[in-house]
Amino acid sequence: PTGTYVDMCSKLPVVDPHNIRAATLIMRGEFDGIASLDDLIQFY
């Protein structure tokens, strides 16, 4: 399906961190190109 690609290319953000109540672990591969480190730290 193309839906997740469309969302990730044109509709981000689709998640609001303020609404996530659970204990959370963010895992980022050293070389992963899907998100910048700054983007993830802002979310965290």
ModelCIF file with pLDDT and N, C-alpha, C, O atoms, coordinates in Angstrom:
data_MODEL
#
_entry.id   MODEL 
#
_entity.id                         1 
_entity.type                       polymer 
_entity.pdbx_number_of_molecules   1 
#
_entity_poly.entity_id                      1 
_entity_poly.type                           'polypeptide(L)' 
_entity_poly.nstd_linkage                   no 
_entity_poly.nstd_monomer                   no 
_entity_poly.pdbx_seq_one_letter_code       PTGTYVDMCSKLPVVDPHNIRAATLIMRGEFDGIASLDDLIQFY 
_entity_poly.pdbx_seq_one_letter_code_can   PTGTYVDMCSKLPVVDPHNIRAATLIMRGEFDGIASLDDLIQFY 
_entity_poly.pdbx_strand_id                 A 
#
loop_
_entity_poly_seq.entity_id 
_entity_poly_seq.num 
_entity_poly_seq.mon_id 
_entity_poly_seq.hetero 
1 1  PRO n 
1 2  THR n 
1 3  GLY n 
1 4  THR n 
1 5  TYR n 
1 6  VAL n 
1 7  ASP n 
1 8  MET n 
1 9  CYS n 
1 10 SER n 
1 11 LYS n 
1 12 LEU n 
1 13 PRO n 
1 14 VAL n 
1 15 VAL n 
1 16 ASP n 
1 17 PRO n 
1 18 HIS n 
1 19 ASN n 
1 20 ILE n 
1 21 ARG n 
1 22 ALA n 
1 23 ALA n 
1 24 THR n 
1 25 LEU n 
1 26 ILE n 
1 27 MET n 
1 28 ARG n 
1 29 GLY n 
1 30 GLU n 
1 31 PHE n 
1 32 ASP n 
1 33 GLY n 
1 34 ILE n 
1 35 ALA n 
1 36 SER n 
1 37 LEU n 
1 38 ASP n 
1 39 ASP n 
1 40 LEU n 
1 41 ILE n 
1 42 GLN n 
1 43 PHE n 
1 44 TYR n 
#
_struct_asym.id          A 
_struct_asym.entity_id   1 
#
loop_
_ma_qa_metric.id 
_ma_qa_metric.mode 
_ma_qa_metric.name 
_ma_qa_metric.software_group_id 
_ma_qa_metric.type 
1 global pLDDT . pLDDT 
2 local  pLDDT . pLDDT 
#
_ma_qa_metric_global.metric_id      1 
_ma_qa_metric_global.metric_value   97.39 
_ma_qa_metric_global.model_id       1 
_ma_qa_metric_global.ordinal_id     1 
#
loop_
_ma_qa_metric_local.label_asym_id 
_ma_qa_metric_local.label_comp_id 
_ma_qa_metric_local.label_seq_id 
_ma_qa_metric_local.metric_id 
_ma_qa_metric_local.metric_value 
_ma_qa_metric_local.model_id 
_ma_qa_metric_local.ordinal_id 
A PRO 1  2 98.00 1 1  
A THR 2  2 98.00 1 2  
A GLY 3  2 98.00 1 3  
A THR 4  2 98.00 1 4  
A TYR 5  2 98.00 1 5  
A VAL 6  2 98.00 1 6  
A ASP 7  2 98.00 1 7  
A MET 8  2 98.00 1 8  
A CYS 9  2 98.00 1 9  
A SER 10 2 98.00 1 10 
A LYS 11 2 98.00 1 11 
A LEU 12 2 98.00 1 12 
A PRO 13 2 98.00 1 13 
A VAL 14 2 98.00 1 14 
A VAL 15 2 98.00 1 15 
A ASP 16 2 98.00 1 16 
A PRO 17 2 98.00 1 17 
A HIS 18 2 98.00 1 18 
A ASN 19 2 98.00 1 19 
A ILE 20 2 98.00 1 20 
A ARG 21 2 97.00 1 21 
A ALA 22 2 98.00 1 22 
A ALA 23 2 98.00 1 23 
A THR 24 2 98.00 1 24 
A LEU 25 2 98.00 1 25 
A ILE 26 2 98.00 1 26 
A MET 27 2 98.00 1 27 
A ARG 28 2 98.00 1 28 
A GLY 29 2 97.00 1 29 
A GLU 30 2 97.00 1 30 
A PHE 31 2 96.00 1 31 
A ASP 32 2 95.00 1 32 
A GLY 33 2 94.00 1 33 
A ILE 34 2 95.00 1 34 
A ALA 35 2 93.00 1 35 
A SER 36 2 94.00 1 36 
A LEU 37 2 96.00 1 37 
A ASP 38 2 97.00 1 38 
A ASP 39 2 98.00 1 39 
A LEU 40 2 98.00 1 40 
A ILE 41 2 98.00 1 41 
A GLN 42 2 98.00 1 42 
A PHE 43 2 98.00 1 43 
A TYR 44 2 98.00 1 44 
#
loop_
_atom_site.group_PDB 
_atom_site.id 
_atom_site.type_symbol 
_atom_site.label_atom_id 
_atom_site.label_alt_id 
_atom_site.label_comp_id 
_atom_site.label_asym_id 
_atom_site.label_entity_id 
_atom_site.label_seq_id 
_atom_site.pdbx_PDB_ins_code 
_atom_site.Cartn_x 
_atom_site.Cartn_y 
_atom_site.Cartn_z 
_atom_site.occupancy 
_atom_site.B_iso_or_equiv 
_atom_site.pdbx_formal_charge 
_atom_site.auth_seq_id 
_atom_site.auth_comp_id 
_atom_site.auth_asym_id 
_atom_site.auth_atom_id 
_atom_site.pdbx_PDB_model_num 
ATOM 1   N N  . PRO A 1 1  ? 0.824  -1.208 0.000  1.00 98.00 ? 1  PRO A N  1 
ATOM 2   C CA . PRO A 1 1  ? 0.000  0.000  0.000  1.00 98.00 ? 1  PRO A CA 1 
ATOM 3   C C  . PRO A 1 1  ? 0.861  1.261  0.000  1.00 98.00 ? 1  PRO A C  1 
ATOM 4   O O  . PRO A 1 1  ? 1.985  1.262  0.501  1.00 98.00 ? 1  PRO A O  1 
ATOM 5   N N  . THR A 1 2  ? 0.318  2.326  -0.566 1.00 98.00 ? 2  THR A N  1 
ATOM 6   C CA . THR A 1 2  ? 1.044  3.605  -0.613 1.00 98.00 ? 2  THR A CA 1 
ATOM 7   C C  . THR A 1 2  ? 0.693  4.532  0.551  1.00 98.00 ? 2  THR A C  1 
ATOM 8   O O  . THR A 1 2  ? 1.330  5.572  0.721  1.00 98.00 ? 2  THR A O  1 
ATOM 9   N N  . GLY A 1 3  ? -0.302 4.172  1.347  1.00 98.00 ? 3  GLY A N  1 
ATOM 10  C CA . GLY A 1 3  ? -0.840 5.110  2.342  1.00 98.00 ? 3  GLY A CA 1 
ATOM 11  C C  . GLY A 1 3  ? 0.165  5.621  3.347  1.00 98.00 ? 3  GLY A C  1 
ATOM 12  O O  . GLY A 1 3  ? 0.185  6.812  3.657  1.00 98.00 ? 3  GLY A O  1 
ATOM 13  N N  . THR A 1 4  ? 1.008  4.723  3.867  1.00 98.00 ? 4  THR A N  1 
ATOM 14  C CA . THR A 1 4  ? 1.978  5.176  4.874  1.00 98.00 ? 4  THR A CA 1 
ATOM 15  C C  . THR A 1 4  ? 3.027  6.087  4.240  1.00 98.00 ? 4  THR A C  1 
ATOM 16  O O  . THR A 1 4  ? 3.494  7.028  4.883  1.00 98.00 ? 4  THR A O  1 
ATOM 17  N N  . TYR A 1 5  ? 3.404  5.821  2.985  1.00 98.00 ? 5  TYR A N  1 
ATOM 18  C CA . TYR A 1 5  ? 4.355  6.694  2.290  1.00 98.00 ? 5  TYR A CA 1 
ATOM 19  C C  . TYR A 1 5  ? 3.751  8.080  2.084  1.00 98.00 ? 5  TYR A C  1 
ATOM 20  O O  . TYR A 1 5  ? 4.413  9.095  2.304  1.00 98.00 ? 5  TYR A O  1 
ATOM 21  N N  . VAL A 1 6  ? 2.479  8.112  1.656  1.00 98.00 ? 6  VAL A N  1 
ATOM 22  C CA . VAL A 1 6  ? 1.808  9.404  1.454  1.00 98.00 ? 6  VAL A CA 1 
ATOM 23  C C  . VAL A 1 6  ? 1.780  10.193 2.765  1.00 98.00 ? 6  VAL A C  1 
ATOM 24  O O  . VAL A 1 6  ? 2.085  11.385 2.789  1.00 98.00 ? 6  VAL A O  1 
ATOM 25  N N  . ASP A 1 7  ? 1.411  9.517  3.848  1.00 98.00 ? 7  ASP A N  1 
ATOM 26  C CA . ASP A 1 7  ? 1.364  10.185 5.154  1.00 98.00 ? 7  ASP A CA 1 
ATOM 27  C C  . ASP A 1 7  ? 2.728  10.716 5.566  1.00 98.00 ? 7  ASP A C  1 
ATOM 28  O O  . ASP A 1 7  ? 2.841  11.853 6.022  1.00 98.00 ? 7  ASP A O  1 
ATOM 29  N N  . MET A 1 8  ? 3.770  9.894  5.406  1.00 98.00 ? 8  MET A N  1 
ATOM 30  C CA . MET A 1 8  ? 5.103  10.273 5.873  1.00 98.00 ? 8  MET A CA 1 
ATOM 31  C C  . MET A 1 8  ? 5.725  11.353 4.983  1.00 98.00 ? 8  MET A C  1 
ATOM 32  O O  . MET A 1 8  ? 6.588  12.107 5.432  1.00 98.00 ? 8  MET A O  1 
ATOM 33  N N  . CYS A 1 9  ? 5.288  11.427 3.724  1.00 98.00 ? 9  CYS A N  1 
ATOM 34  C CA . CYS A 1 9  ? 5.825  12.443 2.805  1.00 98.00 ? 9  CYS A CA 1 
ATOM 35  C C  . CYS A 1 9  ? 5.057  13.758 2.853  1.00 98.00 ? 9  CYS A C  1 
ATOM 36  O O  . CYS A 1 9  ? 5.614  14.808 2.533  1.00 98.00 ? 9  CYS A O  1 
ATOM 37  N N  . SER A 1 10 ? 3.767  13.717 3.253  1.00 98.00 ? 10 SER A N  1 
ATOM 38  C CA . SER A 1 10 ? 2.955  14.926 3.075  1.00 98.00 ? 10 SER A CA 1 
ATOM 39  C C  . SER A 1 10 ? 2.061  15.291 4.254  1.00 98.00 ? 10 SER A C  1 
ATOM 40  O O  . SER A 1 10 ? 1.451  16.360 4.238  1.00 98.00 ? 10 SER A O  1 
ATOM 41  N N  . LYS A 1 11 ? 1.962  14.436 5.284  1.00 98.00 ? 11 LYS A N  1 
ATOM 42  C CA . LYS A 1 11 ? 0.980  14.716 6.341  1.00 98.00 ? 11 LYS A CA 1 
ATOM 43  C C  . LYS A 1 11 ? 1.567  14.758 7.746  1.00 98.00 ? 11 LYS A C  1 
ATOM 44  O O  . LYS A 1 11 ? 0.821  14.883 8.717  1.00 98.00 ? 11 LYS A O  1 
ATOM 45  N N  . LEU A 1 12 ? 2.876  14.656 7.875  1.00 98.00 ? 12 LEU A N  1 
ATOM 46  C CA . LEU A 1 12 ? 3.470  14.715 9.216  1.00 98.00 ? 12 LEU A CA 1 
ATOM 47  C C  . LEU A 1 12 ? 3.317  16.109 9.811  1.00 98.00 ? 12 LEU A C  1 
ATOM 48  O O  . LEU A 1 12 ? 3.320  17.088 9.066  1.00 98.00 ? 12 LEU A O  1 
ATOM 49  N N  . PRO A 1 13 ? 3.183  16.231 11.143 1.00 98.00 ? 13 PRO A N  1 
ATOM 50  C CA . PRO A 1 13 ? 3.102  15.119 12.092 1.00 98.00 ? 13 PRO A CA 1 
ATOM 51  C C  . PRO A 1 13 ? 1.696  14.513 12.169 1.00 98.00 ? 13 PRO A C  1 
ATOM 52  O O  . PRO A 1 13 ? 0.688  15.207 12.035 1.00 98.00 ? 13 PRO A O  1 
ATOM 53  N N  . VAL A 1 14 ? 1.667  13.201 12.389 1.00 98.00 ? 14 VAL A N  1 
ATOM 54  C CA . VAL A 1 14 ? 0.383  12.514 12.571 1.00 98.00 ? 14 VAL A CA 1 
ATOM 55  C C  . VAL A 1 14 ? 0.191  12.071 14.019 1.00 98.00 ? 14 VAL A C  1 
ATOM 56  O O  . VAL A 1 14 ? -0.838 11.494 14.371 1.00 98.00 ? 14 VAL A O  1 
ATOM 57  N N  . VAL A 1 15 ? 1.187  12.344 14.850 1.00 98.00 ? 15 VAL A N  1 
ATOM 58  C CA . VAL A 1 15 ? 1.145  11.955 16.265 1.00 98.00 ? 15 VAL A CA 1 
ATOM 59  C C  . VAL A 1 15 ? 1.453  13.169 17.128 1.00 98.00 ? 15 VAL A C  1 
ATOM 60  O O  . VAL A 1 15 ? 2.322  13.972 16.789 1.00 98.00 ? 15 VAL A O  1 
ATOM 61  N N  . ASP A 1 16 ? 0.743  13.305 18.243 1.00 98.00 ? 16 ASP A N  1 
ATOM 62  C CA . ASP A 1 16 ? 0.994  14.388 19.201 1.00 98.00 ? 16 ASP A CA 1 
ATOM 63  C C  . ASP A 1 16 ? 1.626  13.800 20.458 1.00 98.00 ? 16 ASP A C  1 
ATOM 64  O O  . ASP A 1 16 ? 0.959  13.078 21.199 1.00 98.00 ? 16 ASP A O  1 
ATOM 65  N N  . PRO A 1 17 ? 2.910  14.098 20.712 1.00 98.00 ? 17 PRO A N  1 
ATOM 66  C CA . PRO A 1 17 ? 3.580  13.490 21.870 1.00 98.00 ? 17 PRO A CA 1 
ATOM 67  C C  . PRO A 1 17 ? 2.901  13.807 23.197 1.00 98.00 ? 17 PRO A C  1 
ATOM 68  O O  . PRO A 1 17 ? 2.977  13.008 24.130 1.00 98.00 ? 17 PRO A O  1 
ATOM 69  N N  . HIS A 1 18 ? 2.247  14.946 23.299 1.00 98.00 ? 18 HIS A N  1 
ATOM 70  C CA . HIS A 1 18 ? 1.602  15.329 24.561 1.00 98.00 ? 18 HIS A CA 1 
ATOM 71  C C  . HIS A 1 18 ? 0.497  14.355 24.958 1.00 98.00 ? 18 HIS A C  1 
ATOM 72  O O  . HIS A 1 18 ? 0.121  14.285 26.128 1.00 98.00 ? 18 HIS A O  1 
ATOM 73  N N  . ASN A 1 19 ? -0.026 13.599 23.982 1.00 98.00 ? 19 ASN A N  1 
ATOM 74  C CA . ASN A 1 19 ? -1.132 12.678 24.252 1.00 98.00 ? 19 ASN A CA 1 
ATOM 75  C C  . ASN A 1 19 ? -0.687 11.253 24.536 1.00 98.00 ? 19 ASN A C  1 
ATOM 76  O O  . ASN A 1 19 ? -1.520 10.371 24.746 1.00 98.00 ? 19 ASN A O  1 
ATOM 77  N N  . ILE A 1 20 ? 0.627  11.022 24.544 1.00 98.00 ? 20 ILE A N  1 
ATOM 78  C CA . ILE A 1 20 ? 1.131  9.666  24.801 1.00 98.00 ? 20 ILE A CA 1 
ATOM 79  C C  . ILE A 1 20 ? 1.491  9.546  26.277 1.00 98.00 ? 20 ILE A C  1 
ATOM 80  O O  . ILE A 1 20 ? 2.440  10.174 26.746 1.00 98.00 ? 20 ILE A O  1 
ATOM 81  N N  . ARG A 1 21 ? 0.735  8.743  26.996 1.00 97.00 ? 21 ARG A N  1 
ATOM 82  C CA . ARG A 1 21 ? 0.880  8.632  28.451 1.00 97.00 ? 21 ARG A CA 1 
ATOM 83  C C  . ARG A 1 21 ? 1.783  7.484  28.875 1.00 97.00 ? 21 ARG A C  1 
ATOM 84  O O  . ARG A 1 21 ? 2.312  7.494  29.986 1.00 97.00 ? 21 ARG A O  1 
ATOM 85  N N  . ALA A 1 22 ? 1.968  6.498  28.010 1.00 98.00 ? 22 ALA A N  1 
ATOM 86  C CA . ALA A 1 22 ? 2.714  5.295  28.386 1.00 98.00 ? 22 ALA A CA 1 
ATOM 87  C C  . ALA A 1 22 ? 4.198  5.600  28.566 1.00 98.00 ? 22 ALA A C  1 
ATOM 88  O O  . ALA A 1 22 ? 4.720  6.560  28.000 1.00 98.00 ? 22 ALA A O  1 
ATOM 89  N N  . ALA A 1 23 ? 4.866  4.768  29.362 1.00 98.00 ? 23 ALA A N  1 
ATOM 90  C CA . ALA A 1 23 ? 6.328  4.774  29.381 1.00 98.00 ? 23 ALA A CA 1 
ATOM 91  C C  . ALA A 1 23 ? 6.810  4.531  27.955 1.00 98.00 ? 23 ALA A C  1 
ATOM 92  O O  . ALA A 1 23 ? 6.312  3.631  27.278 1.00 98.00 ? 23 ALA A O  1 
ATOM 93  N N  . THR A 1 24 ? 7.778  5.327  27.492 1.00 98.00 ? 24 THR A N  1 
ATOM 94  C CA . THR A 1 24 ? 8.144  5.301  26.072 1.00 98.00 ? 24 THR A CA 1 
ATOM 95  C C  . THR A 1 24 ? 9.654  5.209  25.891 1.00 98.00 ? 24 THR A C  1 
ATOM 96  O O  . THR A 1 24 ? 10.425 5.869  26.588 1.00 98.00 ? 24 THR A O  1 
ATOM 97  N N  . LEU A 1 25 ? 10.056 4.372  24.935 1.00 98.00 ? 25 LEU A N  1 
ATOM 98  C CA . LEU A 1 25 ? 11.449 4.257  24.509 1.00 98.00 ? 25 LEU A CA 1 
ATOM 99  C C  . LEU A 1 25 ? 11.537 4.678  23.043 1.00 98.00 ? 25 LEU A C  1 
ATOM 100 O O  . LEU A 1 25 ? 10.836 4.128  22.193 1.00 98.00 ? 25 LEU A O  1 
ATOM 101 N N  . ILE A 1 26 ? 12.393 5.646  22.752 1.00 98.00 ? 26 ILE A N  1 
ATOM 102 C CA . ILE A 1 26 ? 12.704 6.028  21.378 1.00 98.00 ? 26 ILE A CA 1 
ATOM 103 C C  . ILE A 1 26 ? 14.013 5.340  20.997 1.00 98.00 ? 26 ILE A C  1 
ATOM 104 O O  . ILE A 1 26 ? 15.027 5.506  21.675 1.00 98.00 ? 26 ILE A O  1 
ATOM 105 N N  . MET A 1 27 ? 13.984 4.565  19.905 1.00 98.00 ? 27 MET A N  1 
ATOM 106 C CA . MET A 1 27 ? 15.164 3.836  19.436 1.00 98.00 ? 27 MET A CA 1 
ATOM 107 C C  . MET A 1 27 ? 15.559 4.394  18.076 1.00 98.00 ? 27 MET A C  1 
ATOM 108 O O  . MET A 1 27 ? 14.757 4.390  17.142 1.00 98.00 ? 27 MET A O  1 
ATOM 109 N N  . ARG A 1 28 ? 16.799 4.874  17.965 1.00 98.00 ? 28 ARG A N  1 
ATOM 110 C CA . ARG A 1 28 ? 17.239 5.426  16.679 1.00 98.00 ? 28 ARG A CA 1 
ATOM 111 C C  . ARG A 1 28 ? 18.539 4.773  16.238 1.00 98.00 ? 28 ARG A C  1 
ATOM 112 O O  . ARG A 1 28 ? 19.543 4.830  16.947 1.00 98.00 ? 28 ARG A O  1 
ATOM 113 N N  . GLY A 1 29 ? 18.515 4.152  15.064 1.00 97.00 ? 29 GLY A N  1 
ATOM 114 C CA . GLY A 1 29 ? 19.742 3.618  14.493 1.00 97.00 ? 29 GLY A CA 1 
ATOM 115 C C  . GLY A 1 29 ? 20.712 4.737  14.173 1.00 97.00 ? 29 GLY A C  1 
ATOM 116 O O  . GLY A 1 29 ? 20.315 5.808  13.713 1.00 97.00 ? 29 GLY A O  1 
ATOM 117 N N  . GLU A 1 30 ? 21.983 4.483  14.421 1.00 97.00 ? 30 GLU A N  1 
ATOM 118 C CA . GLU A 1 30 ? 23.019 5.499  14.183 1.00 97.00 ? 30 GLU A CA 1 
ATOM 119 C C  . GLU A 1 30 ? 22.945 6.066  12.771 1.00 97.00 ? 30 GLU A C  1 
ATOM 120 O O  . GLU A 1 30 ? 23.143 7.265  12.574 1.00 97.00 ? 30 GLU A O  1 
ATOM 121 N N  . PHE A 1 31 ? 22.662 5.214  11.785 1.00 96.00 ? 31 PHE A N  1 
ATOM 122 C CA . PHE A 1 31 ? 22.696 5.640  10.385 1.00 96.00 ? 31 PHE A CA 1 
ATOM 123 C C  . PHE A 1 31 ? 21.302 5.781  9.771  1.00 96.00 ? 31 PHE A C  1 
ATOM 124 O O  . PHE A 1 31 ? 21.190 5.975  8.560  1.00 96.00 ? 31 PHE A O  1 
ATOM 125 N N  . ASP A 1 32 ? 20.250 5.691  10.565 1.00 95.00 ? 32 ASP A N  1 
ATOM 126 C CA . ASP A 1 32 ? 18.900 5.713  10.005 1.00 95.00 ? 32 ASP A CA 1 
ATOM 127 C C  . ASP A 1 32 ? 18.585 7.069  9.388  1.00 95.00 ? 32 ASP A C  1 
ATOM 128 O O  . ASP A 1 32 ? 18.808 8.108  10.009 1.00 95.00 ? 32 ASP A O  1 
ATOM 129 N N  . GLY A 1 33 ? 18.060 7.056  8.150  1.00 94.00 ? 33 GLY A N  1 
ATOM 130 C CA . GLY A 1 33 ? 17.773 8.303  7.456  1.00 94.00 ? 33 GLY A CA 1 
ATOM 131 C C  . GLY A 1 33 ? 16.323 8.745  7.531  1.00 94.00 ? 33 GLY A C  1 
ATOM 132 O O  . GLY A 1 33 ? 15.956 9.747  6.917  1.00 94.00 ? 33 GLY A O  1 
ATOM 133 N N  . ILE A 1 34 ? 15.493 8.028  8.266  1.00 95.00 ? 34 ILE A N  1 
ATOM 134 C CA . ILE A 1 34 ? 14.060 8.346  8.262  1.00 95.00 ? 34 ILE A CA 1 
ATOM 135 C C  . ILE A 1 34 ? 13.752 9.567  9.127  1.00 95.00 ? 34 ILE A C  1 
ATOM 136 O O  . ILE A 1 34 ? 12.770 10.264 8.869  1.00 95.00 ? 34 ILE A O  1 
ATOM 137 N N  . ALA A 1 35 ? 14.564 9.840  10.143 1.00 93.00 ? 35 ALA A N  1 
ATOM 138 C CA . ALA A 1 35 ? 14.332 11.013 11.000 1.00 93.00 ? 35 ALA A CA 1 
ATOM 139 C C  . ALA A 1 35 ? 15.652 11.603 11.452 1.00 93.00 ? 35 ALA A C  1 
ATOM 140 O O  . ALA A 1 35 ? 16.607 10.877 11.728 1.00 93.00 ? 35 ALA A O  1 
ATOM 141 N N  . SER A 1 36 ? 15.702 12.911 11.524 1.00 94.00 ? 36 SER A N  1 
ATOM 142 C CA . SER A 1 36 ? 16.885 13.564 12.080 1.00 94.00 ? 36 SER A CA 1 
ATOM 143 C C  . SER A 1 36 ? 16.881 13.398 13.597 1.00 94.00 ? 36 SER A C  1 
ATOM 144 O O  . SER A 1 36 ? 15.829 13.245 14.218 1.00 94.00 ? 36 SER A O  1 
ATOM 145 N N  . LEU A 1 37 ? 18.057 13.430 14.171 1.00 96.00 ? 37 LEU A N  1 
ATOM 146 C CA . LEU A 1 37 ? 18.178 13.318 15.628 1.00 96.00 ? 37 LEU A CA 1 
ATOM 147 C C  . LEU A 1 37 ? 17.421 14.453 16.311 1.00 96.00 ? 37 LEU A C  1 
ATOM 148 O O  . LEU A 1 37 ? 16.760 14.239 17.328 1.00 96.00 ? 37 LEU A O  1 
ATOM 149 N N  . ASP A 1 38 ? 17.516 15.642 15.762 1.00 97.00 ? 38 ASP A N  1 
ATOM 150 C CA . ASP A 1 38 ? 16.835 16.798 16.358 1.00 97.00 ? 38 ASP A CA 1 
ATOM 151 C C  . ASP A 1 38 ? 15.317 16.611 16.362 1.00 97.00 ? 38 ASP A C  1 
ATOM 152 O O  . ASP A 1 38 ? 14.650 16.960 17.336 1.00 97.00 ? 38 ASP A O  1 
ATOM 153 N N  . ASP A 1 39 ? 14.778 16.066 15.283 1.00 98.00 ? 39 ASP A N  1 
ATOM 154 C CA . ASP A 1 39 ? 13.333 15.814 15.191 1.00 98.00 ? 39 ASP A CA 1 
ATOM 155 C C  . ASP A 1 39 ? 12.884 14.886 16.330 1.00 98.00 ? 39 ASP A C  1 
ATOM 156 O O  . ASP A 1 39 ? 11.865 15.126 16.976 1.00 98.00 ? 39 ASP A O  1 
ATOM 157 N N  . LEU A 1 40 ? 13.655 13.836 16.557 1.00 98.00 ? 40 LEU A N  1 
ATOM 158 C CA . LEU A 1 40 ? 13.281 12.861 17.588 1.00 98.00 ? 40 LEU A CA 1 
ATOM 159 C C  . LEU A 1 40 ? 13.459 13.426 18.994 1.00 98.00 ? 40 LEU A C  1 
ATOM 160 O O  . LEU A 1 40 ? 12.653 13.148 19.882 1.00 98.00 ? 40 LEU A O  1 
ATOM 161 N N  . ILE A 1 41 ? 14.496 14.208 19.195 1.00 98.00 ? 41 ILE A N  1 
ATOM 162 C CA . ILE A 1 41 ? 14.710 14.790 20.535 1.00 98.00 ? 41 ILE A CA 1 
ATOM 163 C C  . ILE A 1 41 ? 13.597 15.780 20.862 1.00 98.00 ? 41 ILE A C  1 
ATOM 164 O O  . ILE A 1 41 ? 13.139 15.844 22.003 1.00 98.00 ? 41 ILE A O  1 
ATOM 165 N N  . GLN A 1 42 ? 13.167 16.544 19.879 1.00 98.00 ? 42 GLN A N  1 
ATOM 166 C CA . GLN A 1 42 ? 12.038 17.473 20.102 1.00 98.00 ? 42 GLN A CA 1 
ATOM 167 C C  . GLN A 1 42 ? 10.785 16.689 20.515 1.00 98.00 ? 42 GLN A C  1 
ATOM 168 O O  . GLN A 1 42 ? 10.057 17.107 21.415 1.00 98.00 ? 42 GLN A O  1 
ATOM 169 N N  . PHE A 1 43 ? 10.542 15.568 19.862 1.00 98.00 ? 43 PHE A N  1 
ATOM 170 C CA . PHE A 1 43 ? 9.402  14.718 20.211 1.00 98.00 ? 43 PHE A CA 1 
ATOM 171 C C  . PHE A 1 43 ? 9.562  14.178 21.634 1.00 98.00 ? 43 PHE A C  1 
ATOM 172 O O  . PHE A 1 43 ? 8.636  14.234 22.443 1.00 98.00 ? 43 PHE A O  1 
ATOM 173 N N  . TYR A 1 44 ? 10.747 13.659 21.916 1.00 98.00 ? 44 TYR A N  1 
ATOM 174 C CA . TYR A 1 44 ? 11.048 13.062 23.222 1.00 98.00 ? 44 TYR A CA 1 
ATOM 175 C C  . TYR A 1 44 ? 10.829 14.065 24.352 1.00 98.00 ? 44 TYR A C  1 
ATOM 176 O O  . TYR A 1 44 ? 11.034 13.734 25.519 1.00 98.00 ? 44 TYR A O  1 
#
